[in-house]
N, C-alpha and C. Protein backbone atom coordinates (compact mmCIF):
# COMPACT_ATOMS: atom_id res chain seq x y z
N MET A 1 -1.09 -1.71 2.44
CA MET A 1 -1.15 -1.55 1.01
C MET A 1 -2.26 -0.66 0.69
N ASN A 2 -1.93 0.30 -0.22
CA ASN A 2 -3.03 1.15 -0.71
C ASN A 2 -3.01 1.28 -2.25
N LYS A 3 -4.18 1.42 -2.79
CA LYS A 3 -4.37 1.56 -4.24
C LYS A 3 -4.24 3.03 -4.60
N ILE A 4 -3.60 3.29 -5.73
CA ILE A 4 -3.47 4.65 -6.18
C ILE A 4 -3.85 4.70 -7.62
N SER A 5 -4.30 5.95 -8.11
CA SER A 5 -4.66 6.10 -9.52
C SER A 5 -3.51 6.86 -10.18
N LEU A 6 -3.24 6.41 -11.40
CA LEU A 6 -2.27 7.10 -12.26
C LEU A 6 -3.00 8.06 -13.14
N ILE A 7 -2.22 8.98 -13.72
CA ILE A 7 -2.82 9.99 -14.62
C ILE A 7 -2.76 9.43 -16.03
N GLU A 8 -3.90 9.56 -16.74
CA GLU A 8 -3.98 9.15 -18.12
C GLU A 8 -4.36 10.32 -18.97
N ILE A 9 -3.48 10.56 -20.02
CA ILE A 9 -3.69 11.59 -20.94
C ILE A 9 -3.89 10.98 -22.32
N THR A 10 -5.06 11.23 -22.90
CA THR A 10 -5.39 10.62 -24.26
C THR A 10 -5.65 11.70 -25.22
N ASP A 11 -5.08 11.45 -26.36
CA ASP A 11 -5.39 12.31 -27.58
C ASP A 11 -5.45 11.44 -28.80
N ASN A 12 -5.39 11.99 -29.97
CA ASN A 12 -5.47 11.20 -31.25
C ASN A 12 -4.25 10.39 -31.45
N ARG A 13 -3.17 10.51 -30.70
CA ARG A 13 -1.96 9.67 -30.88
C ARG A 13 -2.07 8.42 -30.00
N GLY A 14 -2.91 8.44 -29.01
CA GLY A 14 -2.98 7.28 -28.06
C GLY A 14 -3.03 7.82 -26.67
N SER A 15 -2.64 6.95 -25.73
CA SER A 15 -2.67 7.34 -24.29
C SER A 15 -1.30 7.25 -23.70
N LEU A 16 -1.12 8.23 -22.76
CA LEU A 16 0.14 8.23 -21.95
C LEU A 16 -0.35 8.13 -20.51
N ILE A 17 0.24 7.19 -19.78
CA ILE A 17 -0.10 6.99 -18.36
C ILE A 17 1.08 7.26 -17.48
N ALA A 18 0.88 8.13 -16.54
CA ALA A 18 2.04 8.61 -15.70
C ALA A 18 1.78 8.44 -14.22
N LEU A 19 2.88 8.21 -13.53
CA LEU A 19 2.82 8.16 -12.07
C LEU A 19 3.75 9.26 -11.60
N ASN A 20 3.13 10.33 -11.04
CA ASN A 20 3.93 11.47 -10.50
C ASN A 20 4.09 11.34 -9.00
N ARG A 21 5.01 11.99 -8.49
CA ARG A 21 5.25 12.02 -6.98
C ARG A 21 5.36 10.64 -6.40
N LEU A 22 6.31 9.88 -6.84
CA LEU A 22 6.57 8.58 -6.27
C LEU A 22 6.99 8.70 -4.79
N PRO A 23 6.49 7.80 -3.96
CA PRO A 23 6.83 7.88 -2.51
C PRO A 23 8.25 7.47 -2.15
N PHE A 24 9.05 7.08 -3.15
CA PHE A 24 10.43 6.65 -2.89
C PHE A 24 11.21 6.84 -4.18
N GLU A 25 12.53 6.83 -4.05
CA GLU A 25 13.42 6.84 -5.19
C GLU A 25 13.46 5.41 -5.69
N VAL A 26 13.31 5.19 -7.02
CA VAL A 26 13.27 3.87 -7.64
C VAL A 26 14.72 3.37 -7.87
N LYS A 27 15.04 2.27 -7.24
CA LYS A 27 16.33 1.74 -7.36
C LYS A 27 16.37 0.44 -8.19
N ARG A 28 15.22 -0.14 -8.39
CA ARG A 28 15.09 -1.32 -9.15
C ARG A 28 13.73 -1.43 -9.86
N PHE A 29 13.75 -1.96 -11.11
CA PHE A 29 12.56 -2.11 -11.85
C PHE A 29 12.56 -3.54 -12.47
N PHE A 30 11.40 -4.18 -12.48
CA PHE A 30 11.36 -5.47 -13.11
C PHE A 30 9.90 -5.77 -13.58
N THR A 31 9.78 -6.68 -14.52
CA THR A 31 8.41 -7.09 -14.93
C THR A 31 8.19 -8.59 -14.72
N LEU A 32 6.91 -8.90 -14.57
CA LEU A 32 6.49 -10.37 -14.48
C LEU A 32 5.60 -10.54 -15.69
N LYS A 33 5.76 -11.62 -16.43
CA LYS A 33 4.83 -11.99 -17.50
C LYS A 33 4.81 -13.50 -17.62
N ASN A 34 3.88 -13.98 -18.41
CA ASN A 34 3.70 -15.38 -18.50
C ASN A 34 3.56 -16.09 -17.13
N ILE A 35 2.80 -15.48 -16.27
CA ILE A 35 2.66 -15.88 -14.89
C ILE A 35 1.80 -17.13 -14.84
N LYS A 36 2.35 -18.23 -14.43
CA LYS A 36 1.61 -19.49 -14.45
C LYS A 36 1.23 -19.96 -13.14
N THR A 37 1.67 -19.36 -12.03
CA THR A 37 1.37 -19.73 -10.73
C THR A 37 1.41 -18.53 -9.78
N THR A 38 1.07 -18.68 -8.53
CA THR A 38 1.18 -17.61 -7.52
C THR A 38 2.54 -17.04 -7.43
N ARG A 39 2.69 -15.74 -7.33
CA ARG A 39 3.99 -15.08 -7.11
C ARG A 39 3.92 -14.40 -5.74
N GLY A 40 5.06 -13.88 -5.36
CA GLY A 40 5.15 -13.26 -4.05
C GLY A 40 5.39 -14.30 -3.01
N GLY A 41 4.49 -14.27 -2.02
CA GLY A 41 4.63 -15.24 -0.91
C GLY A 41 5.82 -14.96 -0.03
N HIS A 42 6.05 -13.61 0.14
CA HIS A 42 7.15 -13.13 0.99
C HIS A 42 6.84 -11.66 1.43
N ALA A 43 7.77 -11.18 2.29
CA ALA A 43 7.69 -9.78 2.72
C ALA A 43 9.11 -9.19 2.63
N HIS A 44 9.21 -7.96 2.84
CA HIS A 44 10.55 -7.33 2.82
C HIS A 44 10.74 -6.55 4.14
N LYS A 45 11.97 -6.47 4.61
CA LYS A 45 12.26 -5.78 5.80
C LYS A 45 12.23 -4.22 5.62
N LYS A 46 12.76 -3.79 4.45
CA LYS A 46 12.80 -2.33 4.29
C LYS A 46 12.34 -1.85 2.87
N LEU A 47 12.18 -2.74 1.93
CA LEU A 47 11.77 -2.39 0.58
C LEU A 47 10.34 -1.98 0.46
N TRP A 48 10.15 -0.90 -0.27
CA TRP A 48 8.82 -0.45 -0.73
C TRP A 48 8.66 -0.89 -2.14
N GLU A 49 7.38 -1.12 -2.55
CA GLU A 49 7.20 -1.64 -3.95
C GLU A 49 5.84 -1.12 -4.46
N ILE A 50 5.86 -0.74 -5.73
CA ILE A 50 4.72 -0.33 -6.47
C ILE A 50 4.50 -1.35 -7.58
N LEU A 51 3.26 -1.93 -7.64
CA LEU A 51 2.93 -2.84 -8.63
C LEU A 51 1.90 -2.27 -9.60
N ILE A 52 2.08 -2.44 -10.88
CA ILE A 52 1.13 -1.96 -11.89
C ILE A 52 0.88 -3.10 -12.86
N ALA A 53 -0.33 -3.48 -13.16
CA ALA A 53 -0.65 -4.44 -14.25
C ALA A 53 -0.84 -3.68 -15.52
N VAL A 54 0.19 -3.63 -16.30
CA VAL A 54 0.12 -2.81 -17.54
C VAL A 54 -0.59 -3.58 -18.62
N SER A 55 -0.88 -4.79 -18.43
CA SER A 55 -1.69 -5.58 -19.35
C SER A 55 -2.40 -6.61 -18.55
N GLY A 56 -3.64 -7.04 -18.91
CA GLY A 56 -4.35 -8.09 -18.24
C GLY A 56 -4.72 -7.62 -16.80
N SER A 57 -4.88 -8.62 -15.94
CA SER A 57 -5.26 -8.30 -14.52
C SER A 57 -4.78 -9.37 -13.57
N CYS A 58 -4.77 -9.04 -12.31
CA CYS A 58 -4.29 -9.93 -11.24
C CYS A 58 -4.90 -9.46 -9.97
N ARG A 59 -4.76 -10.26 -8.96
CA ARG A 59 -5.18 -9.90 -7.57
C ARG A 59 -3.91 -9.82 -6.71
N VAL A 60 -3.81 -8.74 -5.85
CA VAL A 60 -2.60 -8.64 -4.95
C VAL A 60 -3.24 -8.68 -3.59
N THR A 61 -2.76 -9.64 -2.76
CA THR A 61 -3.24 -9.82 -1.41
C THR A 61 -2.13 -9.39 -0.45
N SER A 62 -2.44 -8.57 0.55
CA SER A 62 -1.45 -8.21 1.56
C SER A 62 -1.90 -8.63 2.91
N ASP A 63 -1.01 -8.93 3.80
CA ASP A 63 -1.27 -9.49 5.13
C ASP A 63 -0.34 -8.88 6.09
N ASP A 64 -0.79 -8.21 7.11
CA ASP A 64 0.07 -7.63 8.17
C ASP A 64 0.03 -8.49 9.50
N THR A 65 -0.56 -9.64 9.37
CA THR A 65 -0.73 -10.61 10.48
C THR A 65 -2.09 -10.33 11.22
N LYS A 66 -2.69 -9.19 10.95
CA LYS A 66 -3.98 -8.86 11.59
C LYS A 66 -5.07 -8.67 10.59
N ILE A 67 -4.75 -8.06 9.48
CA ILE A 67 -5.77 -7.74 8.43
C ILE A 67 -5.22 -8.26 7.05
N ILE A 68 -6.07 -8.99 6.32
CA ILE A 68 -5.75 -9.38 4.97
C ILE A 68 -6.57 -8.53 4.03
N THR A 69 -5.89 -7.89 3.02
CA THR A 69 -6.48 -7.05 2.07
C THR A 69 -6.24 -7.56 0.64
N HIS A 70 -7.36 -7.53 -0.16
CA HIS A 70 -7.22 -7.86 -1.59
C HIS A 70 -7.52 -6.66 -2.44
N GLU A 71 -6.59 -6.49 -3.40
CA GLU A 71 -6.77 -5.43 -4.37
C GLU A 71 -6.70 -6.07 -5.75
N TYR A 72 -7.54 -5.69 -6.69
CA TYR A 72 -7.50 -6.12 -7.99
C TYR A 72 -6.93 -5.11 -8.97
N LEU A 73 -5.86 -5.48 -9.74
CA LEU A 73 -5.34 -4.56 -10.68
C LEU A 73 -5.82 -5.07 -12.08
N ASN A 74 -6.57 -4.24 -12.67
CA ASN A 74 -7.14 -4.61 -14.02
C ASN A 74 -7.10 -3.42 -15.01
N SER A 75 -6.27 -2.46 -14.71
CA SER A 75 -6.11 -1.30 -15.62
C SER A 75 -4.70 -0.69 -15.35
N PRO A 76 -4.06 -0.33 -16.43
CA PRO A 76 -2.72 0.34 -16.28
C PRO A 76 -2.76 1.66 -15.58
N THR A 77 -3.99 2.11 -15.27
CA THR A 77 -4.10 3.46 -14.62
C THR A 77 -4.24 3.26 -13.05
N GLU A 78 -4.05 2.00 -12.58
CA GLU A 78 -4.14 1.72 -11.14
C GLU A 78 -2.77 1.08 -10.72
N ALA A 79 -2.51 1.29 -9.48
CA ALA A 79 -1.28 0.66 -8.86
C ALA A 79 -1.52 0.44 -7.40
N VAL A 80 -0.74 -0.48 -6.86
CA VAL A 80 -0.76 -0.65 -5.37
C VAL A 80 0.64 -0.35 -4.89
N VAL A 81 0.68 0.30 -3.72
CA VAL A 81 1.88 0.61 -3.06
C VAL A 81 1.99 -0.30 -1.83
N ILE A 82 3.06 -1.09 -1.81
CA ILE A 82 3.25 -2.05 -0.67
C ILE A 82 4.44 -1.62 0.13
N PRO A 83 4.19 -1.23 1.41
CA PRO A 83 5.30 -0.85 2.30
C PRO A 83 6.05 -2.05 2.83
N PRO A 84 7.18 -1.79 3.51
CA PRO A 84 7.89 -2.96 4.11
C PRO A 84 7.06 -3.68 5.17
N LYS A 85 7.53 -4.82 5.50
CA LYS A 85 6.81 -5.65 6.53
C LYS A 85 5.40 -5.94 6.28
N LEU A 86 5.08 -6.21 4.96
CA LEU A 86 3.71 -6.52 4.61
C LEU A 86 3.91 -7.74 3.70
N TRP A 87 3.31 -8.92 4.13
CA TRP A 87 3.27 -10.11 3.30
C TRP A 87 2.48 -9.88 2.04
N ARG A 88 3.00 -10.28 0.82
CA ARG A 88 2.30 -10.07 -0.36
C ARG A 88 2.24 -11.39 -1.18
N ILE A 89 1.06 -11.51 -1.86
CA ILE A 89 0.80 -12.63 -2.70
C ILE A 89 0.10 -12.12 -4.02
N ILE A 90 0.63 -12.52 -5.21
CA ILE A 90 0.01 -12.16 -6.42
C ILE A 90 -0.56 -13.38 -7.01
N ASP A 91 -1.93 -13.29 -7.39
CA ASP A 91 -2.43 -14.57 -7.99
C ASP A 91 -3.65 -14.17 -8.88
N SER A 92 -4.35 -15.06 -9.38
CA SER A 92 -5.51 -14.88 -10.23
C SER A 92 -5.13 -13.99 -11.44
N CYS A 93 -3.94 -14.26 -12.00
CA CYS A 93 -3.43 -13.59 -13.11
C CYS A 93 -4.10 -14.00 -14.46
N THR A 94 -4.41 -13.18 -15.32
CA THR A 94 -5.03 -13.55 -16.60
C THR A 94 -3.78 -13.92 -17.47
N PRO A 95 -4.04 -14.69 -18.57
CA PRO A 95 -2.91 -15.15 -19.43
C PRO A 95 -2.07 -13.99 -19.99
N ASP A 96 -2.75 -12.79 -20.20
CA ASP A 96 -2.07 -11.63 -20.80
C ASP A 96 -1.50 -10.70 -19.78
N CYS A 97 -1.49 -11.12 -18.48
CA CYS A 97 -1.03 -10.20 -17.46
C CYS A 97 0.41 -9.96 -17.50
N VAL A 98 0.74 -8.62 -17.49
CA VAL A 98 2.18 -8.20 -17.34
C VAL A 98 2.18 -7.18 -16.22
N ILE A 99 3.01 -7.39 -15.26
CA ILE A 99 3.05 -6.63 -14.05
C ILE A 99 4.41 -5.94 -14.06
N VAL A 100 4.43 -4.63 -13.81
CA VAL A 100 5.59 -3.78 -13.61
C VAL A 100 5.81 -3.58 -12.11
N SER A 101 6.99 -3.76 -11.64
CA SER A 101 7.35 -3.47 -10.26
C SER A 101 8.42 -2.45 -10.12
N LEU A 102 8.15 -1.38 -9.32
CA LEU A 102 9.17 -0.37 -8.99
C LEU A 102 9.48 -0.54 -7.57
N CYS A 103 10.80 -0.63 -7.25
CA CYS A 103 11.22 -0.95 -5.98
C CYS A 103 12.17 0.16 -5.42
N SER A 104 12.09 0.27 -4.09
CA SER A 104 12.89 1.34 -3.41
C SER A 104 14.32 0.89 -3.14
N GLU A 105 14.55 -0.41 -3.33
CA GLU A 105 15.92 -0.95 -2.99
C GLU A 105 16.36 -1.88 -4.15
N GLU A 106 17.66 -2.00 -4.27
CA GLU A 106 18.26 -2.95 -5.15
C GLU A 106 18.02 -4.35 -4.64
N LEU A 107 18.15 -5.35 -5.54
CA LEU A 107 17.97 -6.73 -5.14
C LEU A 107 18.97 -7.09 -3.99
N ASP A 108 18.41 -7.60 -2.89
CA ASP A 108 19.20 -7.89 -1.69
C ASP A 108 18.51 -9.07 -0.96
N GLU A 109 18.96 -10.26 -1.08
CA GLU A 109 18.34 -11.43 -0.57
C GLU A 109 18.16 -11.30 0.91
N SER A 110 19.04 -10.59 1.64
CA SER A 110 18.88 -10.43 3.11
C SER A 110 17.67 -9.57 3.53
N ASP A 111 17.08 -8.84 2.54
CA ASP A 111 15.91 -8.05 2.91
C ASP A 111 14.64 -8.88 2.76
N TYR A 112 14.71 -10.08 2.22
CA TYR A 112 13.52 -10.88 2.08
C TYR A 112 13.12 -11.61 3.35
N ILE A 113 11.86 -11.74 3.64
CA ILE A 113 11.41 -12.60 4.66
C ILE A 113 10.59 -13.69 3.93
N ARG A 114 11.08 -14.91 3.83
CA ARG A 114 10.42 -15.86 2.93
C ARG A 114 9.54 -16.90 3.65
N LYS A 115 9.68 -16.97 4.97
CA LYS A 115 8.90 -17.86 5.71
C LYS A 115 7.85 -17.11 6.48
N TYR A 116 6.53 -17.51 6.42
CA TYR A 116 5.46 -16.81 7.08
C TYR A 116 5.74 -16.75 8.59
N SER A 117 6.21 -17.78 9.19
CA SER A 117 6.49 -17.81 10.64
C SER A 117 7.54 -16.81 11.02
N ASP A 118 8.52 -16.62 10.18
CA ASP A 118 9.61 -15.57 10.42
C ASP A 118 8.94 -14.22 10.26
N PHE A 119 8.07 -14.02 9.27
CA PHE A 119 7.46 -12.76 9.11
C PHE A 119 6.61 -12.40 10.37
N VAL A 120 5.87 -13.29 10.89
CA VAL A 120 5.06 -13.01 12.10
C VAL A 120 6.00 -12.60 13.22
N LYS A 121 7.13 -13.26 13.42
CA LYS A 121 8.06 -12.88 14.47
C LYS A 121 8.65 -11.46 14.18
N GLU A 122 9.02 -11.19 12.91
CA GLU A 122 9.62 -9.92 12.57
C GLU A 122 8.61 -8.77 12.81
N VAL A 123 7.33 -9.00 12.53
CA VAL A 123 6.27 -7.92 12.59
C VAL A 123 5.98 -7.70 14.13
N SER A 124 6.10 -8.68 14.91
CA SER A 124 5.72 -8.53 16.33
C SER A 124 6.85 -7.91 17.17
N ILE A 125 8.02 -7.68 16.55
CA ILE A 125 9.20 -7.12 17.25
C ILE A 125 8.91 -5.60 17.49
């Protein structure tokens, strides 16, 4: 998982925030809001994902079975890029947190790894 900066252009009309040069073609977009508990708790076999907290803040934790990394999203000018085969958890969300997710694949339940023990086996292959 790596954190990236988005471009912010501000003038008297307000701010425009852009993400140029996406590392993949976006095939799915969704938002999370009114987050009352931990989200994520899974990995993907081939899906890439970009998360942006467009409002509020949250913590994104990634785990590759060797290294656990925490990134805090607290500005719409920051994003995290999560590659396949990386366990992710989203928590510590503020009440006003709204997260945008850009995904490289359409929704496909067979791409999810939902049990951590299965994830460990998949990564060690």
